[in-house]
N, C-alpha and C. Protein backbone atom coordinates (compact mmCIF):
# COMPACT_ATOMS: atom_id res chain seq x y z
N MET A 1 1.08 -1.01 -11.13
CA MET A 1 0.21 -0.08 -10.42
C MET A 1 0.67 0.03 -8.96
N ALA A 2 0.66 1.23 -8.46
CA ALA A 2 1.08 1.46 -7.08
C ALA A 2 0.00 0.97 -6.11
N ALA A 3 0.43 0.54 -4.95
CA ALA A 3 -0.52 0.02 -3.95
C ALA A 3 -1.27 1.16 -3.28
N LYS A 4 -2.58 1.01 -3.18
CA LYS A 4 -3.38 2.03 -2.52
C LYS A 4 -3.43 1.80 -1.03
N ILE A 5 -3.32 0.54 -0.60
CA ILE A 5 -3.28 0.20 0.83
C ILE A 5 -1.96 -0.49 1.11
N LYS A 6 -1.26 0.01 2.12
CA LYS A 6 0.06 -0.52 2.46
C LYS A 6 0.09 -0.98 3.92
N LYS A 7 1.14 -1.70 4.26
CA LYS A 7 1.35 -2.16 5.63
C LYS A 7 1.48 -0.93 6.54
N GLY A 8 0.79 -0.96 7.67
CA GLY A 8 0.85 0.15 8.61
C GLY A 8 -0.29 1.13 8.48
N ASP A 9 -1.04 1.08 7.38
CA ASP A 9 -2.19 1.97 7.19
C ASP A 9 -3.33 1.58 8.13
N THR A 10 -4.14 2.56 8.49
CA THR A 10 -5.35 2.28 9.27
C THR A 10 -6.51 2.23 8.29
N VAL A 11 -7.25 1.13 8.31
CA VAL A 11 -8.35 0.93 7.37
C VAL A 11 -9.66 0.69 8.11
N VAL A 12 -10.77 0.92 7.40
CA VAL A 12 -12.12 0.69 7.91
C VAL A 12 -12.74 -0.42 7.09
N VAL A 13 -13.40 -1.37 7.74
CA VAL A 13 -14.06 -2.48 7.04
C VAL A 13 -15.40 -2.00 6.52
N LEU A 14 -15.66 -2.22 5.22
CA LEU A 14 -16.87 -1.74 4.57
C LEU A 14 -17.98 -2.77 4.52
N ALA A 15 -17.64 -4.06 4.53
CA ALA A 15 -18.65 -5.10 4.38
C ALA A 15 -18.27 -6.32 5.19
N GLY A 16 -19.29 -7.11 5.54
CA GLY A 16 -19.05 -8.36 6.23
C GLY A 16 -19.35 -8.27 7.71
N ARG A 17 -18.93 -9.31 8.43
CA ARG A 17 -19.21 -9.46 9.85
C ARG A 17 -18.64 -8.31 10.69
N ASP A 18 -17.50 -7.76 10.28
CA ASP A 18 -16.82 -6.71 11.04
C ASP A 18 -17.04 -5.32 10.46
N LYS A 19 -18.14 -5.11 9.74
CA LYS A 19 -18.42 -3.83 9.10
C LYS A 19 -18.37 -2.69 10.11
N GLY A 20 -17.64 -1.62 9.76
CA GLY A 20 -17.53 -0.45 10.63
C GLY A 20 -16.32 -0.46 11.54
N ARG A 21 -15.72 -1.62 11.75
CA ARG A 21 -14.55 -1.71 12.62
C ARG A 21 -13.31 -1.26 11.85
N SER A 22 -12.33 -0.78 12.59
CA SER A 22 -11.10 -0.35 11.94
C SER A 22 -9.91 -1.00 12.62
N GLY A 23 -8.81 -1.07 11.91
CA GLY A 23 -7.60 -1.65 12.45
C GLY A 23 -6.42 -1.33 11.55
N GLN A 24 -5.25 -1.70 12.02
CA GLN A 24 -4.02 -1.43 11.28
C GLN A 24 -3.67 -2.62 10.39
N VAL A 25 -3.23 -2.34 9.17
CA VAL A 25 -2.85 -3.40 8.24
C VAL A 25 -1.51 -3.99 8.67
N MET A 26 -1.50 -5.31 8.89
CA MET A 26 -0.28 -6.00 9.30
C MET A 26 0.47 -6.56 8.10
N GLN A 27 -0.28 -6.97 7.07
CA GLN A 27 0.34 -7.57 5.89
C GLN A 27 -0.61 -7.40 4.71
N VAL A 28 -0.06 -7.14 3.52
CA VAL A 28 -0.85 -7.05 2.30
C VAL A 28 -0.39 -8.16 1.37
N MET A 29 -1.36 -8.88 0.79
CA MET A 29 -1.06 -9.96 -0.15
C MET A 29 -1.64 -9.58 -1.51
N PRO A 30 -0.88 -8.81 -2.31
CA PRO A 30 -1.42 -8.31 -3.57
C PRO A 30 -1.78 -9.41 -4.57
N SER A 31 -1.03 -10.52 -4.55
CA SER A 31 -1.32 -11.60 -5.51
C SER A 31 -2.67 -12.25 -5.20
N GLU A 32 -3.06 -12.27 -3.92
CA GLU A 32 -4.34 -12.86 -3.52
C GLU A 32 -5.42 -11.79 -3.36
N ASN A 33 -5.04 -10.52 -3.49
CA ASN A 33 -5.96 -9.39 -3.35
C ASN A 33 -6.56 -9.34 -1.94
N ARG A 34 -5.73 -9.62 -0.93
CA ARG A 34 -6.18 -9.67 0.46
C ARG A 34 -5.23 -8.94 1.38
N ALA A 35 -5.73 -8.62 2.58
CA ALA A 35 -4.91 -7.96 3.59
C ALA A 35 -5.21 -8.55 4.95
N LEU A 36 -4.22 -8.54 5.83
CA LEU A 36 -4.37 -8.99 7.20
C LEU A 36 -4.49 -7.75 8.07
N VAL A 37 -5.65 -7.57 8.72
CA VAL A 37 -5.91 -6.37 9.51
C VAL A 37 -6.01 -6.75 10.98
N GLN A 38 -5.30 -6.01 11.81
CA GLN A 38 -5.23 -6.30 13.25
C GLN A 38 -6.60 -6.15 13.91
N GLY A 39 -7.05 -7.21 14.59
CA GLY A 39 -8.31 -7.18 15.33
C GLY A 39 -9.56 -7.31 14.49
N VAL A 40 -9.42 -7.62 13.20
CA VAL A 40 -10.56 -7.73 12.30
C VAL A 40 -10.57 -9.12 11.67
N ASN A 41 -11.76 -9.68 11.45
CA ASN A 41 -11.95 -11.00 10.84
C ASN A 41 -11.24 -12.08 11.68
N LEU A 42 -11.54 -12.08 12.96
CA LEU A 42 -10.92 -13.04 13.88
C LEU A 42 -11.57 -14.41 13.72
N VAL A 43 -10.73 -15.46 13.67
CA VAL A 43 -11.20 -16.83 13.55
C VAL A 43 -10.53 -17.67 14.63
N LYS A 44 -11.20 -18.75 15.02
CA LYS A 44 -10.63 -19.66 16.02
C LYS A 44 -10.03 -20.86 15.30
N ARG A 45 -8.82 -21.24 15.71
CA ARG A 45 -8.12 -22.37 15.10
C ARG A 45 -7.65 -23.32 16.19
N HIS A 46 -7.78 -24.61 15.92
CA HIS A 46 -7.26 -25.62 16.85
C HIS A 46 -5.79 -25.80 16.55
N GLN A 47 -4.98 -25.75 17.59
CA GLN A 47 -3.53 -25.82 17.41
C GLN A 47 -2.96 -27.05 18.13
N ARG A 48 -2.16 -27.80 17.40
CA ARG A 48 -1.50 -28.97 17.97
C ARG A 48 -0.30 -28.50 18.79
N ALA A 49 0.02 -29.24 19.83
CA ALA A 49 1.16 -28.90 20.68
C ALA A 49 2.47 -29.14 19.94
N THR A 50 3.38 -28.18 20.01
CA THR A 50 4.73 -28.30 19.45
C THR A 50 5.69 -27.91 20.57
N PRO A 51 6.97 -28.15 20.39
CA PRO A 51 7.91 -27.78 21.46
C PRO A 51 7.83 -26.30 21.87
N GLY A 52 7.51 -25.42 20.95
CA GLY A 52 7.45 -23.99 21.26
C GLY A 52 6.09 -23.50 21.71
N LYS A 53 5.02 -24.21 21.31
CA LYS A 53 3.66 -23.76 21.60
C LYS A 53 2.88 -24.86 22.30
N GLU A 54 1.91 -24.45 23.08
CA GLU A 54 1.07 -25.44 23.72
C GLU A 54 -0.21 -25.63 22.90
N ALA A 55 -0.88 -26.75 23.10
CA ALA A 55 -2.09 -27.05 22.35
C ALA A 55 -3.26 -26.23 22.86
N GLY A 56 -4.26 -26.06 22.03
CA GLY A 56 -5.45 -25.34 22.45
C GLY A 56 -6.11 -24.65 21.28
N ILE A 57 -7.16 -23.92 21.58
CA ILE A 57 -7.88 -23.16 20.55
C ILE A 57 -7.37 -21.74 20.62
N ILE A 58 -6.80 -21.28 19.51
CA ILE A 58 -6.26 -19.91 19.47
C ILE A 58 -7.13 -19.04 18.56
N THR A 59 -7.15 -17.76 18.83
CA THR A 59 -7.87 -16.80 18.01
C THR A 59 -6.85 -15.98 17.25
N LYS A 60 -7.02 -15.91 15.92
CA LYS A 60 -6.09 -15.13 15.11
C LYS A 60 -6.83 -14.46 13.96
N GLU A 61 -6.16 -13.49 13.34
CA GLU A 61 -6.75 -12.76 12.22
C GLU A 61 -6.65 -13.59 10.94
N ALA A 62 -7.71 -13.52 10.15
CA ALA A 62 -7.70 -14.15 8.83
C ALA A 62 -7.67 -13.04 7.79
N PRO A 63 -7.10 -13.30 6.61
CA PRO A 63 -7.05 -12.26 5.58
C PRO A 63 -8.45 -11.82 5.15
N ILE A 64 -8.58 -10.55 4.80
CA ILE A 64 -9.85 -9.98 4.36
C ILE A 64 -9.65 -9.42 2.96
N GLN A 65 -10.67 -9.51 2.14
CA GLN A 65 -10.62 -9.03 0.75
C GLN A 65 -10.34 -7.53 0.73
N LEU A 66 -9.44 -7.10 -0.17
CA LEU A 66 -9.09 -5.67 -0.25
C LEU A 66 -10.27 -4.79 -0.65
N SER A 67 -11.23 -5.38 -1.40
CA SER A 67 -12.39 -4.59 -1.82
C SER A 67 -13.32 -4.28 -0.65
N ASN A 68 -13.14 -5.01 0.46
CA ASN A 68 -13.99 -4.80 1.64
C ASN A 68 -13.37 -3.87 2.67
N VAL A 69 -12.23 -3.29 2.37
CA VAL A 69 -11.61 -2.32 3.27
C VAL A 69 -11.33 -1.02 2.52
N ALA A 70 -11.38 0.08 3.25
CA ALA A 70 -11.06 1.39 2.68
C ALA A 70 -10.15 2.12 3.66
N LEU A 71 -9.26 2.90 3.12
CA LEU A 71 -8.34 3.67 3.94
C LEU A 71 -9.12 4.66 4.80
N ARG A 72 -8.65 4.87 6.02
CA ARG A 72 -9.28 5.81 6.95
C ARG A 72 -8.73 7.21 6.70
N ASP A 73 -9.63 8.17 6.51
CA ASP A 73 -9.22 9.55 6.25
C ASP A 73 -8.48 10.11 7.46
N PRO A 74 -7.28 10.69 7.25
CA PRO A 74 -6.52 11.23 8.39
C PRO A 74 -7.21 12.41 9.07
N LYS A 75 -8.11 13.07 8.37
CA LYS A 75 -8.77 14.26 8.93
C LYS A 75 -9.97 13.90 9.82
N ASP A 76 -10.93 13.11 9.30
CA ASP A 76 -12.14 12.83 10.08
C ASP A 76 -12.35 11.36 10.44
N GLY A 77 -11.47 10.47 10.01
CA GLY A 77 -11.55 9.07 10.41
C GLY A 77 -12.57 8.24 9.66
N LYS A 78 -13.19 8.80 8.62
CA LYS A 78 -14.18 8.06 7.84
C LYS A 78 -13.49 7.40 6.64
N PRO A 79 -14.12 6.37 6.06
CA PRO A 79 -13.51 5.70 4.90
C PRO A 79 -13.37 6.64 3.71
N THR A 80 -12.27 6.50 2.98
CA THR A 80 -12.03 7.34 1.82
C THR A 80 -11.38 6.54 0.71
N ARG A 81 -11.54 7.01 -0.49
CA ARG A 81 -10.82 6.44 -1.62
C ARG A 81 -9.45 7.11 -1.68
N VAL A 82 -8.57 6.51 -2.49
CA VAL A 82 -7.21 7.01 -2.57
C VAL A 82 -6.90 7.41 -4.01
N ARG A 83 -6.26 8.55 -4.16
CA ARG A 83 -5.76 8.95 -5.48
C ARG A 83 -4.30 9.31 -5.35
N PHE A 84 -3.63 9.43 -6.45
CA PHE A 84 -2.21 9.72 -6.45
C PHE A 84 -1.96 11.09 -7.05
N GLN A 85 -0.90 11.75 -6.55
CA GLN A 85 -0.55 13.07 -7.05
C GLN A 85 0.97 13.16 -7.10
N MET A 86 1.48 13.82 -8.11
CA MET A 86 2.92 14.01 -8.23
C MET A 86 3.29 15.34 -7.58
N LYS A 87 4.30 15.29 -6.73
CA LYS A 87 4.80 16.52 -6.10
C LYS A 87 5.73 17.23 -7.07
N ASP A 88 6.11 18.45 -6.73
CA ASP A 88 7.00 19.23 -7.59
C ASP A 88 8.36 18.57 -7.76
N ASP A 89 8.82 17.86 -6.71
CA ASP A 89 10.13 17.22 -6.80
C ASP A 89 10.08 15.86 -7.51
N GLY A 90 8.91 15.47 -8.02
CA GLY A 90 8.78 14.24 -8.80
C GLY A 90 8.37 13.02 -8.00
N THR A 91 8.13 13.17 -6.70
CA THR A 91 7.70 12.02 -5.90
C THR A 91 6.19 11.86 -5.99
N LYS A 92 5.74 10.61 -5.89
CA LYS A 92 4.33 10.28 -5.98
C LYS A 92 3.79 10.10 -4.56
N VAL A 93 2.71 10.80 -4.23
CA VAL A 93 2.12 10.68 -2.89
C VAL A 93 0.67 10.24 -2.99
N ARG A 94 0.21 9.54 -1.94
CA ARG A 94 -1.18 9.13 -1.88
C ARG A 94 -1.99 10.25 -1.23
N ILE A 95 -3.15 10.54 -1.80
CA ILE A 95 -4.02 11.61 -1.33
C ILE A 95 -5.38 11.00 -0.98
N ALA A 96 -5.94 11.37 0.19
CA ALA A 96 -7.29 10.94 0.56
C ALA A 96 -8.28 11.75 -0.26
N SER A 97 -9.09 11.08 -1.06
CA SER A 97 -10.03 11.78 -1.95
C SER A 97 -11.07 12.58 -1.17
N ARG A 98 -11.42 12.12 0.02
CA ARG A 98 -12.46 12.76 0.83
C ARG A 98 -12.05 14.15 1.30
N SER A 99 -10.82 14.28 1.83
CA SER A 99 -10.39 15.56 2.40
C SER A 99 -9.31 16.25 1.57
N GLY A 100 -8.67 15.50 0.67
CA GLY A 100 -7.58 16.07 -0.12
C GLY A 100 -6.28 16.13 0.63
N GLU A 101 -6.21 15.46 1.79
CA GLU A 101 -5.00 15.48 2.62
C GLU A 101 -4.04 14.38 2.20
N ALA A 102 -2.75 14.66 2.29
CA ALA A 102 -1.73 13.66 1.94
C ALA A 102 -1.69 12.59 3.01
N ILE A 103 -1.56 11.33 2.57
CA ILE A 103 -1.53 10.21 3.50
C ILE A 103 -0.09 9.92 3.93
N ASP A 104 0.81 9.86 2.96
CA ASP A 104 2.20 9.61 3.31
C ASP A 104 3.08 10.76 2.84
N GLY A 105 3.41 11.60 3.76
CA GLY A 105 4.31 12.73 3.52
C GLY A 105 3.72 13.75 2.68
């Protein structure tokens, strides 16, 4: 099955502490059904000092469940579902179900 959410997409969080916030997908983990979204689901971690890094409490993104994010419609910026359509030249493109606009090319 083709991926509906890919790295670089802008998504909107549908549920949880960050509901309504949006960010860019930095990494998708299909085997775990999770994605890492920039500026969303921030957690604090204690970090030990290493030669390259100093010790302290750092804030970083934690993976979020794919079912809790939806692609942002390129037309109006609201969450949308994704469907696929075959072009005349045989390529498969992702289409925003809300507006019918192509997401990638």
